[in-house]
Amino acid sequence: MNKVSIVCGILAMIPALFSCQSEEVLPIVNSDALILSQKIDGVTKYGLAFHTYANVAMAGVNARSESGEVYKLYSYNDYVLEFYTEMDEADFTTSLPETGVYTFSVTRTNGEELTVADELTGITIEPVELTTCEYEADNNRIHLVWDSSDQEDYSVVVLRNSEGTRVYYSSSLGSSVVSANISSSGWIGDYEPVFGESYTVELGLYAKEDGEDQFLEAKAITRQTVVWGE
């Protein structure tokens, strides 16, 4: 699973007064299909997300289910080594999405086509509740506390501005951690929070594939709006 099905390693021997050898980079492409879960209007609903990253530049990535449904992945800010997409919240349903093998078709920037696959088993995480999500004026931070869960391997806290852009990204938090602070570290780039602006706090709980530290099977999402400074 998750292995490149086309191996490319071309050695060119150039005869002349002497010979020299050049070697292309062996492409390594990893892809994940995972089930998203989120409480929407008090009901747990499900969607899909797809993630592909590689050591070679990619021009495009598509994921296809066994039934033939196709999903297009997009690069992060034109970052050619990583592509991602997830269903819009409006497309989540109370039924689990299609499981089975998802085939990823990867087009490199040099035109080469690669194929990888990932099996989606149907494992999900029940979303937890944020019991505390508030700005603390004395500490100039957002303080979070959430219900514990025994289904995730780790969690990550993200803060998005009013345009939906990520401005804060925490380190991975262990499965026993149930609180966090959005304060001085973790801001993306040189971003500084704006007093009086509304932000969306996003808590993500992640479950890894069995025996695979780098591959994911499920993600639970909990979101809440908070105003910085209030």
Protein backbone atom coordinates (compact mmCIF):
# COMPACT_ATOMS: atom_id res chain seq x y z
CA MET A 1 0.00 0.00 0.00
CA ASN A 2 1.14 3.55 -0.73
CA LYS A 3 3.98 2.46 -2.96
CA VAL A 4 4.80 4.04 -6.30
CA SER A 5 3.77 1.59 -8.98
CA ILE A 6 6.03 3.03 -11.63
CA VAL A 7 9.71 3.03 -10.81
CA CYS A 8 11.86 5.45 -12.69
CA GLY A 9 15.63 5.40 -12.35
CA ILE A 10 17.38 6.05 -15.60
CA LEU A 11 21.13 5.81 -15.83
CA ALA A 12 22.56 7.40 -18.94
CA MET A 13 25.97 6.27 -20.12
CA ILE A 14 27.58 8.75 -22.47
CA PRO A 15 30.54 7.30 -24.36
CA ALA A 16 33.24 9.76 -25.25
CA LEU A 17 36.86 10.21 -24.35
CA PHE A 18 35.54 9.27 -20.91
CA SER A 19 32.14 8.20 -19.66
CA CYS A 20 29.97 9.97 -17.13
CA GLN A 21 26.85 8.81 -15.39
CA SER A 22 23.75 10.76 -14.44
CA GLU A 23 20.95 9.50 -12.27
CA GLU A 24 17.39 10.77 -11.95
CA VAL A 25 15.73 11.05 -8.58
CA LEU A 26 13.70 7.95 -7.74
CA PRO A 27 10.19 9.32 -7.17
CA ILE A 28 8.57 8.52 -3.83
CA VAL A 29 4.87 9.36 -3.64
CA ASN A 30 2.66 8.76 -0.60
CA SER A 31 -1.11 9.16 -0.61
CA ASP A 32 -3.82 9.02 2.02
CA ALA A 33 -7.59 8.74 1.87
CA LEU A 34 -9.26 9.42 5.21
CA ILE A 35 -12.74 9.80 6.63
CA LEU A 36 -13.66 13.14 8.18
CA SER A 37 -16.26 13.41 10.92
CA GLN A 38 -17.88 16.54 12.31
CA LYS A 39 -20.96 17.43 14.34
CA ILE A 40 -23.21 19.61 12.20
CA ASP A 41 -26.37 20.91 13.86
CA GLY A 42 -25.81 18.36 16.61
CA VAL A 43 -25.56 15.39 14.24
CA THR A 44 -22.33 13.55 13.39
CA LYS A 45 -21.74 13.63 9.65
CA TYR A 46 -18.98 12.26 7.46
CA GLY A 47 -16.90 13.34 4.50
CA LEU A 48 -13.64 12.51 2.75
CA ALA A 49 -10.18 14.03 2.54
CA PHE A 50 -7.25 13.14 0.28
CA HIS A 51 -3.57 13.94 0.74
CA THR A 52 -0.56 13.29 -1.48
CA TYR A 53 3.04 14.30 -0.92
CA ALA A 54 6.19 13.43 -2.83
CA ASN A 55 9.89 14.07 -3.24
CA VAL A 56 9.36 15.16 -6.85
CA ALA A 57 7.41 18.09 -8.26
CA MET A 58 3.79 17.32 -9.12
CA ALA A 59 1.55 19.12 -11.62
CA GLY A 60 -1.73 17.40 -10.73
CA VAL A 61 -3.28 14.65 -8.60
CA ASN A 62 -6.64 12.86 -8.82
CA ALA A 63 -8.09 10.20 -6.52
CA ARG A 64 -10.56 7.61 -7.80
CA SER A 65 -12.78 5.30 -5.75
CA GLU A 66 -13.56 1.71 -6.75
CA SER A 67 -16.96 2.88 -8.00
CA GLY A 68 -15.32 5.47 -10.27
CA GLU A 69 -15.90 8.67 -8.29
CA VAL A 70 -13.06 11.11 -9.00
CA TYR A 71 -11.72 13.77 -6.63
CA LYS A 72 -9.23 16.46 -7.65
CA LEU A 73 -6.47 17.42 -5.24
CA TYR A 74 -4.94 20.90 -5.09
CA SER A 75 -1.49 22.15 -4.17
CA TYR A 76 -0.85 24.14 -1.01
CA ASN A 77 -0.17 27.69 -2.25
CA ASP A 78 1.44 26.31 -5.42
CA TYR A 79 3.71 24.06 -3.33
CA VAL A 80 4.43 21.32 -5.87
CA LEU A 81 5.42 18.60 -3.39
CA GLU A 82 2.08 18.41 -1.54
CA PHE A 83 -1.54 18.23 -2.73
CA TYR A 84 -4.73 18.04 -0.64
CA THR A 85 -8.49 18.31 -0.81
CA GLU A 86 -11.42 17.68 1.50
CA MET A 87 -15.17 17.73 1.06
CA ASP A 88 -17.05 20.91 1.82
CA GLU A 89 -19.06 20.78 5.02
CA ALA A 90 -22.26 21.10 2.97
CA ASP A 91 -21.46 17.77 1.28
CA PHE A 92 -21.07 15.79 4.52
CA THR A 93 -23.71 13.10 5.10
CA THR A 94 -24.87 10.90 7.96
CA SER A 95 -23.77 7.84 5.96
CA LEU A 96 -20.17 6.71 5.81
CA PRO A 97 -18.42 7.46 2.51
CA GLU A 98 -17.33 4.70 0.17
CA THR A 99 -14.59 2.50 1.59
CA GLY A 100 -12.16 0.28 -0.29
CA VAL A 101 -9.13 1.09 -2.42
CA TYR A 102 -8.64 4.63 -3.70
CA THR A 103 -6.26 4.99 -6.64
CA PHE A 104 -4.26 8.19 -6.95
CA SER A 105 -3.12 9.31 -10.40
CA VAL A 106 -0.16 11.66 -10.12
CA THR A 107 1.20 13.75 -12.98
CA ARG A 108 4.73 15.03 -12.48
CA THR A 109 5.78 18.40 -13.83
CA ASN A 110 7.93 16.55 -16.37
CA GLY A 111 4.80 14.80 -17.70
CA GLU A 112 5.46 11.38 -16.19
CA GLU A 113 2.42 9.56 -14.82
CA LEU A 114 2.60 7.74 -11.47
CA THR A 115 0.00 5.67 -9.63
CA VAL A 116 -0.35 4.97 -5.92
CA ALA A 117 -3.17 3.43 -3.89
CA ASP A 118 -4.53 3.56 -0.36
CA GLU A 119 -7.20 1.41 1.27
CA LEU A 120 -9.89 3.16 3.29
CA THR A 121 -11.24 0.78 5.93
CA GLY A 122 -14.12 2.75 7.44
CA ILE A 123 -12.51 3.66 10.77
CA THR A 124 -13.91 6.93 12.18
CA ILE A 125 -13.43 9.18 15.20
CA GLU A 126 -16.39 10.64 17.08
CA PRO A 127 -15.96 14.44 17.32
CA VAL A 128 -15.41 15.80 20.83
CA GLU A 129 -16.79 18.95 22.42
CA LEU A 130 -14.73 22.03 23.18
CA THR A 131 -15.74 22.65 26.79
CA THR A 132 -13.63 25.82 26.99
CA CYS A 133 -12.72 28.07 24.08
CA GLU A 134 -12.11 31.63 25.20
CA TYR A 135 -9.70 34.52 24.99
CA GLU A 136 -7.79 35.22 28.21
CA ALA A 137 -6.92 38.91 28.45
CA ASP A 138 -4.44 38.48 31.32
CA ASN A 139 -2.37 36.04 29.27
CA ASN A 140 -3.18 37.40 25.79
CA ARG A 141 -4.08 33.96 24.49
CA ILE A 142 -6.93 31.63 23.56
CA HIS A 143 -7.35 28.83 26.07
CA LEU A 144 -8.89 25.52 24.96
CA VAL A 145 -10.14 22.49 26.86
CA TRP A 146 -11.88 19.54 25.23
CA ASP A 147 -13.44 16.22 26.17
CA SER A 148 -11.10 13.25 26.21
CA SER A 149 -11.29 10.55 23.55
CA ASP A 150 -9.78 7.09 23.27
CA GLN A 151 -10.04 6.95 19.47
CA GLU A 152 -7.27 9.31 18.32
CA ASP A 153 -3.50 8.97 18.18
CA TYR A 154 -2.81 12.70 18.32
CA SER A 155 -4.48 16.09 17.90
CA VAL A 156 -3.65 19.42 16.28
CA VAL A 157 -5.07 22.89 16.92
CA VAL A 158 -5.48 25.29 13.99
CA LEU A 159 -6.63 28.91 13.95
CA ARG A 160 -8.16 30.40 10.79
CA ASN A 161 -8.89 34.04 10.05
CA SER A 162 -12.20 35.35 8.70
CA GLU A 163 -11.13 34.37 5.15
CA GLY A 164 -10.48 30.76 6.19
CA THR A 165 -6.70 31.05 5.91
CA ARG A 166 -4.64 29.17 8.47
CA VAL A 167 -2.70 31.61 10.64
CA TYR A 168 -1.77 29.30 13.50
CA TYR A 169 -0.81 25.61 13.57
CA SER A 170 0.14 23.80 16.76
CA SER A 171 2.58 20.96 17.11
CA SER A 172 1.13 17.44 17.38
CA LEU A 173 -0.42 16.87 20.80
CA GLY A 174 -0.42 13.43 22.40
CA SER A 175 -3.61 11.43 22.81
CA SER A 176 -3.72 12.15 26.56
CA VAL A 177 -3.62 15.94 26.06
CA VAL A 178 -7.01 17.67 26.47
CA SER A 179 -6.03 21.34 26.63
CA ALA A 180 -3.94 23.85 24.69
CA ASN A 181 -3.15 27.54 24.45
CA ILE A 182 -2.91 29.63 21.31
CA SER A 183 -0.36 32.20 22.36
CA SER A 184 3.19 33.12 21.36
CA SER A 185 4.38 30.13 19.31
CA GLY A 186 2.80 28.36 16.36
CA TRP A 187 1.90 31.39 14.23
CA ILE A 188 2.45 30.93 10.51
CA GLY A 189 5.00 33.29 9.01
CA ASP A 190 5.07 36.67 10.70
CA TYR A 191 1.34 36.71 11.40
CA GLU A 192 0.15 38.65 14.44
CA PRO A 193 -3.44 38.25 15.72
CA VAL A 194 -5.68 41.27 15.20
CA PHE A 195 -7.53 42.66 18.21
CA GLY A 196 -11.30 42.47 17.70
CA GLU A 197 -11.12 40.06 14.74
CA SER A 198 -13.11 36.83 14.71
CA TYR A 199 -11.17 33.59 14.30
CA THR A 200 -12.22 29.98 13.89
CA VAL A 201 -10.58 27.55 16.28
CA GLU A 202 -10.29 24.11 14.69
CA LEU A 203 -9.44 21.05 16.78
CA GLY A 204 -8.48 18.01 14.72
CA LEU A 205 -8.21 14.51 16.19
CA TYR A 206 -6.29 12.04 14.01
CA ALA A 207 -6.18 8.23 13.85
CA LYS A 208 -3.22 6.57 12.14
CA GLU A 209 -3.40 3.49 9.97
CA ASP A 210 -2.45 0.32 11.82
CA GLY A 211 1.32 0.03 12.00
CA GLU A 212 1.86 3.13 9.86
CA ASP A 213 3.14 6.23 11.64
CA GLN A 214 2.98 8.46 8.57
CA PHE A 215 -0.41 7.44 7.17
CA LEU A 216 -3.84 8.44 8.48
CA GLU A 217 -7.20 6.70 8.54
CA ALA A 218 -9.55 9.27 10.08
CA LYS A 219 -9.90 12.83 11.34
CA ALA A 220 -12.54 14.35 13.63
CA ILE A 221 -13.13 18.10 13.41
CA THR A 222 -14.50 20.44 16.06
CA ARG A 223 -14.80 24.16 15.30
CA GLN A 224 -15.73 27.21 17.34
CA THR A 225 -15.54 30.96 16.71
CA VAL A 226 -13.72 33.27 19.11
CA VAL A 227 -12.86 36.97 18.99
CA TRP A 228 -9.27 37.88 19.75
CA GLY A 229 -9.31 40.36 22.62
CA GLU A 230 -12.85 39.63 23.85
